[in-house]
Amino acid sequence: MNNELIQQMTESFEGHAQETENGIEYWLARDVQHLLGYTKWDNFLNVISKAKTACELSERSIPDHFADVGKMVELGSGSQREISDIMLTRYACYLIAQNGDPAKQAIAFAQTYFALQTRKAELIEQRLLEAERVTARKKLSATEKELSDVIYDQTGGNQNFAMIRSKGDQALFGKNTQAMKAQWKVPNNRPLADFVPTIILKAKDFATEITIHNAREHRMGSEPQISREHVTNNKAVRDTLISRGIRPESLPRAEDVKKVERRLVSADKKALKNPESLEGGE
């Protein structure tokens, strides 16, 4: 397949891409049918059926990727009638290509095209999740510093901050900080928060924000008062998580957030030097 043909086919596939109101990219099946070289709709429906089975086996929701729709078409007489169609996500198109006739040149192209597109989307999603975790960790650090300042201002010293934070961990995890470090194999010289999942970072931050608010609102002037407040808030957050099927101490350890942050910074520098480096998702 020469470069000119590849360019033409790329433009054809990208030219038929559309977006929903929510910004979800999709293709219409009747357009994809012709792009992939299928002349008969019934034959193409057989390929779609196989793709749906593959989607189900991958434990993804079929309606999320294959949405039945109808559209109006012009008849020879000038009148219109509605015909059935299917909105296909990028992933659905990829599965269709994988289950198409490999002898068709368009199928061979589509298999690579949608595989790369799907890979790029997965990389973008992963990057967004990693950036969210780094941001959540920085937010928690800022909130904990604010709590330390509140303790200093209202009790005359913040030497008890580490103890108060540890009591919060005990209430949130049902285990003390050292026990969680041992469970997750966190180095003793590193904060536990550097290895907790994003949802727990946000949970800890929320509980700490409540402690700050109430410590100020009620002018708490002693360590025992603030400790009790912090324990109560972390226990309440824990109860909420458990009620939604999330047990903090049972979650797997997350990757070192410092390592994640370095990777993101490195990727940004690489992209600035060579924007095309991101095209293949490498």
C-alpha atoms as a PDB file:
ATOM      1  CA  MET A   1       0.000   0.000   0.000  1.00  0.00           C
ATOM      2  CA  ASN A   2       1.711   3.214  -1.147  1.00  0.00           C
ATOM      3  CA  ASN A   3       1.828   6.477   0.781  1.00  0.00           C
ATOM      4  CA  GLU A   4      -0.653   8.224  -1.507  1.00  0.00           C
ATOM      5  CA  LEU A   5      -3.264   5.518  -0.976  1.00  0.00           C
ATOM      6  CA  ILE A   6      -2.663   5.542   2.771  1.00  0.00           C
ATOM      7  CA  GLN A   7      -3.189   9.304   2.790  1.00  0.00           C
ATOM      8  CA  GLN A   8      -6.404   8.993   0.802  1.00  0.00           C
ATOM      9  CA  MET A   9      -7.809   6.312   3.087  1.00  0.00           C
ATOM     10  CA  THR A  10      -6.827   8.240   6.197  1.00  0.00           C
ATOM     11  CA  GLU A  11      -8.664  11.300   4.907  1.00  0.00           C
ATOM     12  CA  SER A  12     -11.692   9.153   4.054  1.00  0.00           C
ATOM     13  CA  PHE A  13     -11.945   7.650   7.528  1.00  0.00           C
ATOM     14  CA  GLU A  14     -11.279  10.952   9.306  1.00  0.00           C
ATOM     15  CA  GLY A  15     -13.693  12.765   7.006  1.00  0.00           C
ATOM     16  CA  HIS A  16     -16.547  10.512   8.122  1.00  0.00           C
ATOM     17  CA  ALA A  17     -15.824  10.903  11.837  1.00  0.00           C
ATOM     18  CA  GLN A  18     -18.487  12.806  13.765  1.00  0.00           C
ATOM     19  CA  GLU A  19     -18.997  13.853  17.373  1.00  0.00           C
ATOM     20  CA  THR A  20     -21.940  13.657  19.740  1.00  0.00           C
ATOM     21  CA  GLU A  21     -22.983  16.644  21.822  1.00  0.00           C
ATOM     22  CA  ASN A  22     -20.799  15.219  24.595  1.00  0.00           C
ATOM     23  CA  GLY A  23     -17.754  15.178  22.342  1.00  0.00           C
ATOM     24  CA  ILE A  24     -17.711  11.388  21.806  1.00  0.00           C
ATOM     25  CA  GLU A  25     -16.239  10.514  18.413  1.00  0.00           C
ATOM     26  CA  TYR A  26     -18.251   8.106  16.263  1.00  0.00           C
ATOM     27  CA  TRP A  27     -18.760   6.771  12.740  1.00  0.00           C
ATOM     28  CA  LEU A  28     -22.031   5.649  11.146  1.00  0.00           C
ATOM     29  CA  ALA A  29     -22.055   1.986  10.181  1.00  0.00           C
ATOM     30  CA  ARG A  30     -23.422   2.583   6.691  1.00  0.00           C
ATOM     31  CA  ASP A  31     -20.505   4.914   5.990  1.00  0.00           C
ATOM     32  CA  VAL A  32     -18.003   2.437   7.433  1.00  0.00           C
ATOM     33  CA  GLN A  33     -19.586  -0.314   5.323  1.00  0.00           C
ATOM     34  CA  HIS A  34     -18.512   1.433   2.139  1.00  0.00           C
ATOM     35  CA  LEU A  35     -15.179   2.589   3.540  1.00  0.00           C
ATOM     36  CA  LEU A  36     -14.349  -1.066   4.233  1.00  0.00           C
ATOM     37  CA  GLY A  37     -15.441  -2.238   0.803  1.00  0.00           C
ATOM     38  CA  TYR A  38     -18.708  -4.038   1.682  1.00  0.00           C
ATOM     39  CA  THR A  39     -21.400  -3.612  -0.966  1.00  0.00           C
ATOM     40  CA  LYS A  40     -24.176  -5.475   0.854  1.00  0.00           C
ATOM     41  CA  TRP A  41     -25.523  -4.233   4.190  1.00  0.00           C
ATOM     42  CA  ASP A  42     -26.514  -7.740   5.318  1.00  0.00           C
ATOM     43  CA  ASN A  43     -22.952  -8.984   4.847  1.00  0.00           C
ATOM     44  CA  PHE A  44     -21.638  -6.064   6.847  1.00  0.00           C
ATOM     45  CA  LEU A  45     -24.179  -6.743   9.611  1.00  0.00           C
ATOM     46  CA  ASN A  46     -22.624 -10.199   9.997  1.00  0.00           C
ATOM     47  CA  VAL A  47     -19.250  -8.540  10.642  1.00  0.00           C
ATOM     48  CA  ILE A  48     -20.859  -6.153  13.125  1.00  0.00           C
ATOM     49  CA  SER A  49     -22.424  -9.109  14.934  1.00  0.00           C
ATOM     50  CA  LYS A  50     -18.994 -10.705  15.379  1.00  0.00           C
ATOM     51  CA  ALA A  51     -17.606  -7.384  16.582  1.00  0.00           C
ATOM     52  CA  LYS A  52     -20.371  -7.116  19.187  1.00  0.00           C
ATOM     53  CA  THR A  53     -19.489 -10.575  20.467  1.00  0.00           C
ATOM     54  CA  ALA A  54     -15.849  -9.507  20.768  1.00  0.00           C
ATOM     55  CA  CYS A  55     -16.964  -6.380  22.612  1.00  0.00           C
ATOM     56  CA  GLU A  56     -18.964  -8.452  25.078  1.00  0.00           C
ATOM     57  CA  LEU A  57     -16.041 -10.841  25.622  1.00  0.00           C
ATOM     58  CA  SER A  58     -13.827  -7.848  26.431  1.00  0.00           C
ATOM     59  CA  GLU A  59     -16.340  -7.029  29.195  1.00  0.00           C
ATOM     60  CA  ARG A  60     -17.362  -3.723  27.636  1.00  0.00           C
ATOM     61  CA  SER A  61     -20.928  -2.563  27.200  1.00  0.00           C
ATOM     62  CA  ILE A  62     -22.225  -3.203  23.671  1.00  0.00           C
ATOM     63  CA  PRO A  63     -24.739  -0.281  23.745  1.00  0.00           C
ATOM     64  CA  ASP A  64     -21.890   2.055  24.720  1.00  0.00           C
ATOM     65  CA  HIS A  65     -20.057   1.245  21.492  1.00  0.00           C
ATOM     66  CA  PHE A  66     -22.816   0.136  19.091  1.00  0.00           C
ATOM     67  CA  ALA A  67     -25.818   2.487  19.350  1.00  0.00           C
ATOM     68  CA  ASP A  68     -28.794   1.817  17.067  1.00  0.00           C
ATOM     69  CA  VAL A  69     -30.045   4.942  15.289  1.00  0.00           C
ATOM     70  CA  GLY A  70     -32.225   5.784  12.326  1.00  0.00           C
ATOM     71  CA  LYS A  71     -31.651   8.275   9.531  1.00  0.00           C
ATOM     72  CA  MET A  72     -33.650   9.652   6.623  1.00  0.00           C
ATOM     73  CA  VAL A  73     -32.537   8.911   3.057  1.00  0.00           C
ATOM     74  CA  GLU A  74     -33.711  10.314  -0.264  1.00  0.00           C
ATOM     75  CA  LEU A  75     -35.600   7.953  -2.574  1.00  0.00           C
ATOM     76  CA  GLY A  76     -35.603   8.176  -6.355  1.00  0.00           C
ATOM     77  CA  SER A  77     -39.097   9.649  -6.298  1.00  0.00           C
ATOM     78  CA  GLY A  78     -37.900  12.561  -4.180  1.00  0.00           C
ATOM     79  CA  SER A  79     -39.573  11.262  -1.037  1.00  0.00           C
ATOM     80  CA  GLN A  80     -37.735  10.144   2.088  1.00  0.00           C
ATOM     81  CA  ARG A  81     -37.780   7.082   4.288  1.00  0.00           C
ATOM     82  CA  GLU A  82     -36.016   6.133   7.493  1.00  0.00           C
ATOM     83  CA  ILE A  83     -33.409   3.375   7.486  1.00  0.00           C
ATOM     84  CA  SER A  84     -31.615   1.799  10.408  1.00  0.00           C
ATOM     85  CA  ASP A  85     -28.000   2.659  11.153  1.00  0.00           C
ATOM     86  CA  ILE A  86     -25.529   2.206  14.003  1.00  0.00           C
ATOM     87  CA  MET A  87     -23.337   4.758  15.716  1.00  0.00           C
ATOM     88  CA  LEU A  88     -19.919   3.167  16.171  1.00  0.00           C
ATOM     89  CA  THR A  89     -17.247   4.335  18.570  1.00  0.00           C
ATOM     90  CA  ARG A  90     -13.577   4.155  17.621  1.00  0.00           C
ATOM     91  CA  TYR A  91     -13.321   0.922  19.597  1.00  0.00           C
ATOM     92  CA  ALA A  92     -16.328  -0.552  17.776  1.00  0.00           C
ATOM     93  CA  CYS A  93     -14.727   0.295  14.423  1.00  0.00           C
ATOM     94  CA  TYR A  94     -11.532  -1.370  15.574  1.00  0.00           C
ATOM     95  CA  LEU A  95     -13.436  -4.570  16.457  1.00  0.00           C
ATOM     96  CA  ILE A  96     -15.259  -4.517  13.118  1.00  0.00           C
ATOM     97  CA  ALA A  97     -11.940  -4.213  11.290  1.00  0.00           C
ATOM     98  CA  GLN A  98     -10.531  -7.105  13.310  1.00  0.00           C
ATOM     99  CA  ASN A  99     -13.492  -9.276  12.289  1.00  0.00           C
ATOM    100  CA  GLY A 100     -13.620  -8.162   8.645  1.00  0.00           C
ATOM    101  CA  ASP A 101     -12.381  -9.869   5.506  1.00  0.00           C
ATOM    102  CA  PRO A 102      -8.565  -9.713   5.712  1.00  0.00           C
ATOM    103  CA  ALA A 103      -8.350  -9.982   1.929  1.00  0.00           C
ATOM    104  CA  LYS A 104      -9.816  -6.493   1.595  1.00  0.00           C
ATOM    105  CA  GLN A 105      -7.146  -3.800   1.460  1.00  0.00           C
ATOM    106  CA  ALA A 106      -9.430  -1.387   3.306  1.00  0.00           C
ATOM    107  CA  ILE A 107      -9.770  -3.868   6.181  1.00  0.00           C
ATOM    108  CA  ALA A 108      -5.988  -4.171   6.503  1.00  0.00           C
ATOM    109  CA  PHE A 109      -5.735  -0.385   6.629  1.00  0.00           C
ATOM    110  CA  ALA A 110      -8.592  -0.022   9.131  1.00  0.00           C
ATOM    111  CA  GLN A 111      -7.100  -2.600  11.478  1.00  0.00           C
ATOM    112  CA  THR A 112      -3.959  -0.497  11.832  1.00  0.00           C
ATOM    113  CA  TYR A 113      -5.732   2.874  11.715  1.00  0.00           C
ATOM    114  CA  PHE A 114      -8.235   2.152  14.479  1.00  0.00           C
ATOM    115  CA  ALA A 115      -5.706   0.215  16.559  1.00  0.00           C
ATOM    116  CA  LEU A 116      -3.487   3.313  16.625  1.00  0.00           C
ATOM    117  CA  GLN A 117      -6.450   5.606  17.280  1.00  0.00           C
ATOM    118  CA  THR A 118      -7.654   3.395  20.126  1.00  0.00           C
ATOM    119  CA  ARG A 119      -4.145   3.223  21.571  1.00  0.00           C
ATOM    120  CA  LYS A 120      -3.874   7.005  21.492  1.00  0.00           C
ATOM    121  CA  ALA A 121      -7.205   7.363  23.279  1.00  0.00           C
ATOM    122  CA  GLU A 122      -6.096   4.877  25.933  1.00  0.00           C
ATOM    123  CA  LEU A 123      -2.831   6.767  26.437  1.00  0.00           C
ATOM    124  CA  ILE A 124      -4.686  10.060  26.759  1.00  0.00           C
ATOM    125  CA  GLU A 125      -7.050   8.545  29.317  1.00  0.00           C
ATOM    126  CA  GLN A 126      -4.120   7.093  31.271  1.00  0.00           C
ATOM    127  CA  ARG A 127      -2.304  10.426  31.219  1.00  0.00           C
ATOM    128  CA  LEU A 128      -5.377  12.291  32.462  1.00  0.00           C
ATOM    129  CA  LEU A 129      -5.797   9.827  35.330  1.00  0.00           C
ATOM    130  CA  GLU A 130      -2.131  10.151  36.270  1.00  0.00           C
ATOM    131  CA  ALA A 131      -2.303  13.955  36.134  1.00  0.00           C
ATOM    132  CA  GLU A 132      -5.423  13.841  38.309  1.00  0.00           C
ATOM    133  CA  ARG A 133      -3.572  11.793  40.931  1.00  0.00           C
ATOM    134  CA  VAL A 134      -0.575  14.123  40.957  1.00  0.00           C
ATOM    135  CA  THR A 135      -2.907  17.100  41.360  1.00  0.00           C
ATOM    136  CA  ALA A 136      -4.802  15.368  44.178  1.00  0.00           C
ATOM    137  CA  ARG A 137      -1.526  14.637  45.982  1.00  0.00           C
ATOM    138  CA  LYS A 138      -0.428  18.281  45.724  1.00  0.00           C
ATOM    139  CA  LYS A 139      -3.827  19.410  46.954  1.00  0.00           C
ATOM    140  CA  LEU A 140      -3.610  17.110  49.985  1.00  0.00           C
ATOM    141  CA  SER A 141      -0.122  18.424  50.791  1.00  0.00           C
ATOM    142  CA  ALA A 142      -1.432  22.000  50.684  1.00  0.00           C
ATOM    143  CA  THR A 143      -4.444  21.118  52.837  1.00  0.00           C
ATOM    144  CA  GLU A 144      -2.297  19.313  55.413  1.00  0.00           C
ATOM    145  CA  LYS A 145       0.037  22.322  55.575  1.00  0.00           C
ATOM    146  CA  GLU A 146      -2.992  24.505  56.212  1.00  0.00           C
ATOM    147  CA  LEU A 147      -4.089  22.182  59.032  1.00  0.00           C
ATOM    148  CA  SER A 148      -0.578  22.369  60.490  1.00  0.00           C
ATOM    149  CA  ASP A 149      -0.804  26.172  60.411  1.00  0.00           C
ATOM    150  CA  VAL A 150      -4.229  26.086  62.084  1.00  0.00           C
ATOM    151  CA  ILE A 151      -2.880  23.825  64.843  1.00  0.00           C
ATOM    152  CA  TYR A 152       0.059  26.196  65.391  1.00  0.00           C
ATOM    153  CA  ASP A 153      -2.126  29.291  65.450  1.00  0.00           C
ATOM    154  CA  GLN A 154      -4.740  27.868  67.803  1.00  0.00           C
ATOM    155  CA  THR A 155      -2.694  25.683  70.138  1.00  0.00           C
ATOM    156  CA  GLY A 156       0.599  27.572  70.207  1.00  0.00           C
ATOM    157  CA  GLY A 157       2.596  24.850  68.427  1.00  0.00           C
ATOM    158  CA  ASN A 158       2.300  22.293  65.655  1.00  0.00           C
ATOM    159  CA  GLN A 159       4.505  19.559  67.077  1.00  0.00           C
ATOM    160  CA  ASN A 160       1.385  17.420  67.430  1.00  0.00           C
ATOM    161  CA  PHE A 161       0.492  17.617  63.718  1.00  0.00           C
ATOM    162  CA  ALA A 162       2.067  14.245  62.829  1.00  0.00           C
ATOM    163  CA  MET A 163       0.211  12.553  65.676  1.00  0.00           C
ATOM    164  CA  ILE A 164      -3.111  14.109  64.617  1.00  0.00           C
ATOM    165  CA  ARG A 165      -2.558  13.043  61.026  1.00  0.00           C
ATOM    166  CA  SER A 166      -1.713   9.501  62.165  1.00  0.00           C
ATOM    167  CA  LYS A 167      -4.919   9.330  64.173  1.00  0.00           C
ATOM    168  CA  GLY A 168      -6.757  10.356  61.020  1.00  0.00           C
ATOM    169  CA  ASP A 169      -5.123   7.492  59.111  1.00  0.00           C
ATOM    170  CA  GLN A 170      -6.168   5.055  61.823  1.00  0.00           C
ATOM    171  CA  ALA A 171      -9.766   6.223  61.496  1.00  0.00           C
ATOM    172  CA  LEU A 172      -9.747   6.148  57.711  1.00  0.00           C
ATOM    173  CA  PHE A 173      -7.978   2.824  57.144  1.00  0.00           C
ATOM    174  CA  GLY A 174      -8.892   0.997  60.333  1.00  0.00           C
ATOM    175  CA  LYS A 175      -5.113   0.524  60.711  1.00  0.00           C
ATOM    176  CA  ASN A 176      -2.372   2.892  61.802  1.00  0.00           C
ATOM    177  CA  THR A 177       0.031   4.526  59.372  1.00  0.00           C
ATOM    178  CA  GLN A 178       2.876   2.082  60.011  1.00  0.00           C
ATOM    179  CA  ALA A 179       0.615  -0.912  59.487  1.00  0.00           C
ATOM    180  CA  MET A 180      -0.517   0.472  56.137  1.00  0.00           C
ATOM    181  CA  LYS A 181       3.075   1.207  55.157  1.00  0.00           C
ATOM    182  CA  ALA A 182       3.998  -2.375  55.943  1.00  0.00           C
ATOM    183  CA  GLN A 183       1.015  -3.705  53.995  1.00  0.00           C
ATOM    184  CA  TRP A 184       1.808  -1.591  50.925  1.00  0.00           C
ATOM    185  CA  LYS A 185       5.598  -1.945  51.330  1.00  0.00           C
ATOM    186  CA  VAL A 186       6.073   1.814  51.554  1.00  0.00           C
ATOM    187  CA  PRO A 187       9.613   2.895  52.529  1.00  0.00           C
ATOM    188  CA  ASN A 188       9.741   4.254  56.086  1.00  0.00           C
ATOM    189  CA  ASN A 189      11.171   7.566  54.892  1.00  0.00           C
ATOM    190  CA  ARG A 190       8.285   8.205  52.480  1.00  0.00           C
ATOM    191  CA  PRO A 191       4.782   9.531  53.237  1.00  0.00           C
ATOM    192  CA  LEU A 192       1.993   6.962  52.998  1.00  0.00           C
ATOM    193  CA  ALA A 193       0.027   9.434  50.875  1.00  0.00           C
ATOM    194  CA  ASP A 194       2.564   9.094  48.045  1.00  0.00           C
ATOM    195  CA  PHE A 195       1.318   5.549  47.456  1.00  0.00           C
ATOM    196  CA  VAL A 196      -2.443   5.744  47.997  1.00  0.00           C
ATOM    197  CA  PRO A 197      -4.963   5.695  45.109  1.00  0.00           C
ATOM    198  CA  THR A 198      -6.510   8.943  43.888  1.00  0.00           C
ATOM    199  CA  ILE A 199      -9.860   8.328  45.578  1.00  0.00           C
ATOM    200  CA  ILE A 200      -8.156   7.963  48.970  1.00  0.00           C
ATOM    201  CA  LEU A 201      -6.102  11.114  48.403  1.00  0.00           C
ATOM    202  CA  LYS A 202      -9.350  12.962  47.822  1.00  0.00           C
ATOM    203  CA  ALA A 203     -10.978  11.282  50.812  1.00  0.00           C
ATOM    204  CA  LYS A 204      -8.103  12.303  53.098  1.00  0.00           C
ATOM    205  CA  ASP A 205      -8.216  15.826  51.695  1.00  0.00           C
ATOM    206  CA  PHE A 206     -11.968  16.117  52.278  1.00  0.00           C
ATOM    207  CA  ALA A 207     -11.705  14.934  55.868  1.00  0.00           C
ATOM    208  CA  THR A 208      -8.823  17.345  56.512  1.00  0.00           C
ATOM    209  CA  GLU A 209     -10.736  20.266  54.987  1.00  0.00           C
ATOM    210  CA  ILE A 210     -13.632  19.571  57.373  1.00  0.00           C
ATOM    211  CA  THR A 211     -11.217  19.457  60.313  1.00  0.00           C
ATOM    212  CA  ILE A 212      -9.762  22.840  59.320  1.00  0.00           C
ATOM    213  CA  HIS A 213     -13.202  24.370  58.960  1.00  0.00           C
ATOM    214  CA  ASN A 214     -14.525  23.115  62.281  1.00  0.00           C
ATOM    215  CA  ALA A 215     -11.274  23.825  64.156  1.00  0.00           C
ATOM    216  CA  ARG A 216     -11.551  27.439  63.091  1.00  0.00           C
ATOM    217  CA  GLU A 217     -15.314  27.689  63.445  1.00  0.00           C
ATOM    218  CA  HIS A 218     -15.312  26.316  66.984  1.00  0.00           C
ATOM    219  CA  ARG A 219     -11.970  27.887  67.982  1.00  0.00           C
ATOM    220  CA  MET A 220     -10.450  24.594  69.059  1.00  0.00           C
ATOM    221  CA  GLY A 221      -7.438  25.443  71.202  1.00  0.00           C
ATOM    222  CA  SER A 222      -5.998  22.066  72.169  1.00  0.00           C
ATOM    223  CA  GLU A 223      -4.571  19.001  70.480  1.00  0.00           C
ATOM    224  CA  PRO A 224      -7.183  16.605  71.954  1.00  0.00           C
ATOM    225  CA  GLN A 225     -10.022  18.722  70.537  1.00  0.00           C
ATOM    226  CA  ILE A 226      -8.546  18.841  67.035  1.00  0.00           C
ATOM    227  CA  SER A 227      -7.584  15.162  67.194  1.00  0.00           C
ATOM    228  CA  ARG A 228     -11.135  14.146  68.081  1.00  0.00           C
ATOM    229  CA  GLU A 229     -12.467  16.305  65.264  1.00  0.00           C
ATOM    230  CA  HIS A 230     -10.034  14.810  62.754  1.00  0.00           C
ATOM    231  CA  VAL A 231     -10.806  11.240  63.833  1.00  0.00           C
ATOM    232  CA  THR A 232     -14.552  11.881  63.588  1.00  0.00           C
ATOM    233  CA  ASN A 233     -14.216  13.299  60.073  1.00  0.00           C
ATOM    234  CA  ASN A 234     -12.008  10.480  58.801  1.00  0.00           C
ATOM    235  CA  LYS A 235     -14.331   7.903  60.344  1.00  0.00           C
ATOM    236  CA  ALA A 236     -17.307   9.537  58.607  1.00  0.00           C
ATOM    237  CA  VAL A 237     -15.478   9.492  55.266  1.00  0.00           C
ATOM    238  CA  ARG A 238     -14.522   5.848  55.825  1.00  0.00           C
ATOM    239  CA  ASP A 239     -18.139   4.930  56.538  1.00  0.00           C
ATOM    240  CA  THR A 240     -19.219   6.645  53.334  1.00  0.00           C
ATOM    241  CA  LEU A 241     -16.606   4.808  51.278  1.00  0.00           C
ATOM    242  CA  ILE A 242     -17.499   1.440  52.792  1.00  0.00           C
ATOM    243  CA  SER A 243     -21.194   2.074  52.166  1.00  0.00           C
ATOM    244  CA  ARG A 244     -20.293   2.428  48.485  1.00  0.00           C
ATOM    245  CA  GLY A 245     -18.264  -0.774  48.428  1.00  0.00           C
ATOM    246  CA  ILE A 246     -14.841   0.851  48.828  1.00  0.00           C
ATOM    247  CA  ARG A 247     -12.722  -0.375  51.748  1.00  0.00           C
ATOM    248  CA  PRO A 248      -9.621   1.879  51.891  1.00  0.00           C
ATOM    249  CA  GLU A 249      -7.260  -0.673  53.445  1.00  0.00           C
ATOM    250  CA  SER A 250      -8.226  -3.301  50.854  1.00  0.00           C
ATOM    251  CA  LEU A 251      -7.306  -1.216  47.820  1.00  0.00           C
ATOM    252  CA  PRO A 252      -4.044  -2.049  46.042  1.00  0.00           C
ATOM    253  CA  ARG A 253      -1.079   0.235  46.511  1.00  0.00           C
ATOM    254  CA  ALA A 254      -0.772   2.868  43.808  1.00  0.00           C
ATOM    255  CA  GLU A 255       2.421   3.663  41.928  1.00  0.00           C
ATOM    256  CA  ASP A 256       4.797   6.087  43.644  1.00  0.00           C
ATOM    257  CA  VAL A 257       3.273   9.484  42.827  1.00  0.00           C
ATOM    258  CA  LYS A 258       6.735  11.052  42.567  1.00  0.00           C
ATOM    259  CA  LYS A 259       7.607   8.581  39.823  1.00  0.00           C
ATOM    260  CA  VAL A 260       4.329   9.369  38.047  1.00  0.00           C
ATOM    261  CA  GLU A 261       5.009  13.087  38.264  1.00  0.00           C
ATOM    262  CA  ARG A 262       8.537  12.682  36.843  1.00  0.00           C
ATOM    263  CA  ARG A 263       7.119  10.656  33.949  1.00  0.00           C
ATOM    264  CA  LEU A 264       4.548  13.349  33.151  1.00  0.00           C
ATOM    265  CA  VAL A 265       7.172  16.106  33.283  1.00  0.00           C
ATOM    266  CA  SER A 266       9.482  14.083  31.052  1.00  0.00           C
ATOM    267  CA  ALA A 267       6.679  13.475  28.533  1.00  0.00           C
ATOM    268  CA  ASP A 268       5.860  17.198  28.461  1.00  0.00           C
ATOM    269  CA  LYS A 269       9.489  18.092  27.766  1.00  0.00           C
ATOM    270  CA  LYS A 270       9.675  15.463  25.042  1.00  0.00           C
ATOM    271  CA  ALA A 271       6.482  16.759  23.432  1.00  0.00           C
ATOM    272  CA  LEU A 272       7.802  20.344  23.421  1.00  0.00           C
ATOM    273  CA  LYS A 273      10.995  19.230  21.685  1.00  0.00           C
ATOM    274  CA  ASN A 274       9.275  16.852  19.276  1.00  0.00           C
ATOM    275  CA  PRO A 275       5.442  17.146  19.066  1.00  0.00           C
ATOM    276  CA  GLU A 276       5.296  14.284  16.532  1.00  0.00           C
ATOM    277  CA  SER A 277       6.664  11.913  19.182  1.00  0.00           C
ATOM    278  CA  LEU A 278       3.148  11.621  20.592  1.00  0.00           C
ATOM    279  CA  GLU A 279       1.531  10.665  17.302  1.00  0.00           C
ATOM    280  CA  GLY A 280       2.297   6.974  17.584  1.00  0.00           C
ATOM    281  CA  GLY A 281       1.596   6.858  21.297  1.00  0.00           C
ATOM    282  CA  GLU A 282       5.166   5.869  22.137  1.00  0.00           C
END
